[in-house]
Amino acid sequence: MMSSTQSLSEIQRRIDEVTRFLFTTLSIANAHTVEFFTHDVWSRFVAVPPQEVLTAFSSSCDQQRDPELKAKDLPGTTFGFCSHTNRLVDMHGLLQAAKAHALPGLGVCMSRNDLLQALNERLEHTGAELEPHEFMNFKKTHEVQSMSAVVACLAQRCRVKQVIDVGSGKGYLSSFLSLQYGLNVFGIDSSSTNTHGALERNRKLKKFSRAYQKSKSRAGRAQRDSTTESPREESLCGGDDASQEEVLIGSSDVQPTEEITLEDENNDNSRAEELFLSAFSADVAQTPSPRIPPAQLSAEEKERRKRENLEWKAQRRGDSGGGTALFSPLTSYVTPETELRELIDELREAVVVGLHTCGDLAPSTLRMFAAKPELAAVCSVGCCYHLLSEEFDPAREECLSGGGGVCGFPLSQYLRQQSWFCGRNARMSACLALERVSVGQGIQMESLFYRAVLHVILRDHYGSFKSERRVGNVYSKAKSFVDYVRRALRRLELDDSKLSDTDIQGYREAYEPRVDEMHAFNMLKVALAPCIEGLILLDRLCYLKEQELPFCALVQLFDPLLSPRCYAVVGLKSFGESTRGVNLGKKNM
């Protein structure tokens, strides 16, 4: 039987450690890069040369992380900042403290393998990574394959066969779960474009599956003629690889008759999964439309979405000949108050999942899990922290857009009692990828430099100008700095004729010697990013702990180099004894 490795009080202590660190350092993360020169950001926050920062950051990236590493402050400093001036004076002290207050240093996460072994002790191997292929990039392949194994094991542990994929997008995870593991998946997305694209993609996958099934059936008959071995007893998280291929080639109208295994995925199964994933066709990929809260939908749009869902349900019943479809994409905007049984007629107990659900959708998924008795488990990977709404941020307008005015952060009662907020710029910093920057996949500094110098020009020649005013994707189209400035001024509907090319180029030459300052400052933001992300995720874990669940944990599902938003919040409301013998291909009574 599983148990959480940290108690609620232990998670709260970790939160206290991180908030204490961020209380000192968050001002750096909240400094707006656009205002770097106009507000003299470097001099305000840093008292060491930029080259010292860059050298220390590079040296720190070359060293292995030590989970037991504890920062030691120099006299008169706190986390590398002078106690009197609040400026950074000890770069090594800051980096050491940042590592200690990120999730790996706090020691609060499980690995994916540890979770799978906890879910089923028979599991010895959880699958092999696939090579990148034509219609699905390596990153998405890695994410879908890694997360689907966890979701399938959660479903078996909870003795359920239904999955609700919130923010299902193009349906990659949903299709894989249905066709590879025989799970009945309801993919819910607010974009009808995504829903239709996912439905068309799944249709093509089923067509592929039928053809592949015939091929494997012929091979299977030949193999049975040459062997007399009896089939082994199998389970979802341990067994041979033959049944996985049979489930793979099954479609929504050909139910799997054997139980599903994961143990030997690195053998024949990797080829089967490679064929499966290569069937995702680029010609059905669509650009997603923005999520629109229900309150902002017109009566016509609400009626259209309702009609589409009803028509799709009727079509599905006809296509399946009375059987149960394995993948059901639906268009709806979901909140914790959404009545899932009204949206999904055939809903029983289910696992709710979300792969890189943006902004408030991730905390909404956790609230939904806690509130709905029909949801037995959750596996949620969030992203886009800059789109989170914050209850106690002075700029509260973000919190009031949809979702009944309920904000995404903080989620836990513990942080809400402290009225904690990060700030939008800090949340944007949390999206930076330390692991990628550490291996040379750096930030596009020239575009940031251009924008900061443009802000100086706006101040000097066009009066006070808000940093929030966006110039859009001008940099990618500009041929030079002069061209960039002129395009930006026209985008902002300002008269660019009052400045000559020489005037504009003079600004670049004046500030170019300070590029290293901007580069170094952004590396400070990168170093703090895992700590801010860690606080957001600890808040979500603390929320589940507050619900007194028998099991909940933070789990690193993905390789952060491939997928920087690599942590999942996993929770179960109950779990029983060994579930060997549960057949996911049979109707759950």
Foldseek 3Di string as FASTA:
>chain_A
DDFAPDALVLLLVLLVLLVVLCVLVLVLLFDDLLQCPVVVVLVLAADDDLVVLVVLLLVLLVDDQDLQQDADDDPCDDQQAHVPRSHHDRNNSVLSSLSCSFCSNSVFAAALVVLLCSLPVQADDQADQADADDADGSLVSLQLSLVLLNQLSVCLQLLHQEEEEEQCFQPPNLLCNCQQQVGQYEYEHQFVLSLVLNVVLLVLLLVVLQVVLVVVVVVVVVVVVVDDDDADFAAQEAGDQPLSLVSNSAFQLRFRDHHHYRRPNHPPVSVSVVSSSNSRHPVSHDDTDDRAAPVPDDPVRVVVLVVVLVVQVVVVCVVNVNGRHRYHYGHDDDFLPDDVCVSPVPQAAYAYEYDAAEAQVQLRSLSNCLPDPSYFKYKYQYAHQLLFQAPLDPPRPSQCRHNNSHTRPLPAPSVVVVSDDSHNSLSVLLRAQLSQVSVPVNDPLVVSVLSSLLCVVCCVPVNDDDPPDDQPPLVVVAPDSLSSSVSSCVSVVHDPVVDDSVRRVVSCVVCVVCSSSSVSSSSSSNSNNSSSVNSNVSSSQSRVSVSVARDWGKYQRGDCNSPVSRIIIMGGRDGDPDSRPSHSSDDDD
